[in-house]
Amino acid sequence: MNVNRVKQILSSSADIEVKYNDSSVWIDQLNEDGKTATVHLRGPLEERTIVDIESLEEE
């Protein structure tokens, strides 16, 4: 995924499914470096992880 698409998803009110390593995640924020994002798994666990945005896939 590219930085512009991450920004579009973050500003959208739609529920857009994003996967990281075959797991469905929410994007919490685009980090200041413009290359990573903070995400957490959909569901009860809200452990946050920083990932490369290139490793995110839109379903």
C-alpha atoms as a PDB file:
ATOM      1  CA  MET A   1       0.000   0.000   0.000  1.00  0.00           C
ATOM      2  CA  ASN A   2       1.239   3.526  -0.600  1.00  0.00           C
ATOM      3  CA  VAL A   3       1.197   6.570   1.666  1.00  0.00           C
ATOM      4  CA  ASN A   4      -1.620   8.306  -0.230  1.00  0.00           C
ATOM      5  CA  ARG A   5      -3.923   5.296   0.149  1.00  0.00           C
ATOM      6  CA  VAL A   6      -3.176   5.088   3.888  1.00  0.00           C
ATOM      7  CA  LYS A   7      -4.157   8.766   4.207  1.00  0.00           C
ATOM      8  CA  GLN A   8      -7.382   8.138   2.241  1.00  0.00           C
ATOM      9  CA  ILE A   9      -8.309   5.201   4.473  1.00  0.00           C
ATOM     10  CA  LEU A  10      -7.605   7.194   7.636  1.00  0.00           C
ATOM     11  CA  SER A  11      -9.812  10.076   6.474  1.00  0.00           C
ATOM     12  CA  SER A  12     -12.624   7.822   5.236  1.00  0.00           C
ATOM     13  CA  SER A  13     -15.722   7.094   7.307  1.00  0.00           C
ATOM     14  CA  ALA A  14     -16.103   3.762   5.486  1.00  0.00           C
ATOM     15  CA  ASP A  15     -15.061   0.451   7.026  1.00  0.00           C
ATOM     16  CA  ILE A  16     -12.182  -0.490   4.716  1.00  0.00           C
ATOM     17  CA  GLU A  17     -10.644  -3.883   5.387  1.00  0.00           C
ATOM     18  CA  VAL A  18      -6.859  -3.873   5.569  1.00  0.00           C
ATOM     19  CA  LYS A  19      -4.674  -6.929   6.101  1.00  0.00           C
ATOM     20  CA  TYR A  20      -1.232  -7.295   7.619  1.00  0.00           C
ATOM     21  CA  ASN A  21       0.311 -10.782   7.445  1.00  0.00           C
ATOM     22  CA  ASP A  22      -3.145 -12.199   6.587  1.00  0.00           C
ATOM     23  CA  SER A  23      -4.678 -10.641   9.721  1.00  0.00           C
ATOM     24  CA  SER A  24      -7.357  -7.966   9.561  1.00  0.00           C
ATOM     25  CA  VAL A  25      -6.142  -4.714  11.147  1.00  0.00           C
ATOM     26  CA  TRP A  26      -7.228  -1.142  11.819  1.00  0.00           C
ATOM     27  CA  ILE A  27      -4.827   1.621  10.842  1.00  0.00           C
ATOM     28  CA  ASP A  28      -4.510   3.969  13.819  1.00  0.00           C
ATOM     29  CA  GLN A  29      -2.141   6.507  12.327  1.00  0.00           C
ATOM     30  CA  LEU A  30       0.444   7.191   9.679  1.00  0.00           C
ATOM     31  CA  ASN A  31       3.739   7.773  11.456  1.00  0.00           C
ATOM     32  CA  GLU A  32       5.862  10.882  10.943  1.00  0.00           C
ATOM     33  CA  ASP A  33       8.437   9.057   8.819  1.00  0.00           C
ATOM     34  CA  GLY A  34       5.769   8.492   6.139  1.00  0.00           C
ATOM     35  CA  LYS A  35       6.918   4.881   5.739  1.00  0.00           C
ATOM     36  CA  THR A  36       5.313   3.201   8.737  1.00  0.00           C
ATOM     37  CA  ALA A  37       1.892   3.092  10.336  1.00  0.00           C
ATOM     38  CA  THR A  38       0.601   2.135  13.754  1.00  0.00           C
ATOM     39  CA  VAL A  39      -2.029  -0.625  13.505  1.00  0.00           C
ATOM     40  CA  HIS A  40      -3.962  -2.957  15.792  1.00  0.00           C
ATOM     41  CA  LEU A  41      -5.814  -6.203  15.158  1.00  0.00           C
ATOM     42  CA  ARG A  42      -9.564  -6.032  14.706  1.00  0.00           C
ATOM     43  CA  GLY A  43     -11.211  -7.577  17.738  1.00  0.00           C
ATOM     44  CA  PRO A  44     -10.866  -7.466  21.502  1.00  0.00           C
ATOM     45  CA  LEU A  45      -7.072  -7.156  21.602  1.00  0.00           C
ATOM     46  CA  GLU A  46      -5.861  -3.623  21.067  1.00  0.00           C
ATOM     47  CA  GLU A  47      -2.126  -4.254  21.089  1.00  0.00           C
ATOM     48  CA  ARG A  48      -0.604  -1.732  18.729  1.00  0.00           C
ATOM     49  CA  THR A  49       2.216  -2.508  16.322  1.00  0.00           C
ATOM     50  CA  ILE A  50       4.290  -0.339  13.993  1.00  0.00           C
ATOM     51  CA  VAL A  51       4.504  -1.796  10.486  1.00  0.00           C
ATOM     52  CA  ASP A  52       5.851  -0.760   7.088  1.00  0.00           C
ATOM     53  CA  ILE A  53       2.949   0.585   5.029  1.00  0.00           C
ATOM     54  CA  GLU A  54       4.214  -1.432   2.055  1.00  0.00           C
ATOM     55  CA  SER A  55       3.294  -4.591   3.979  1.00  0.00           C
ATOM     56  CA  LEU A  56      -0.361  -3.526   4.306  1.00  0.00           C
ATOM     57  CA  GLU A  57      -2.870  -4.904   1.781  1.00  0.00           C
ATOM     58  CA  GLU A  58      -6.357  -3.672   1.055  1.00  0.00           C
ATOM     59  CA  GLU A  59      -9.003  -6.371   0.653  1.00  0.00           C
END
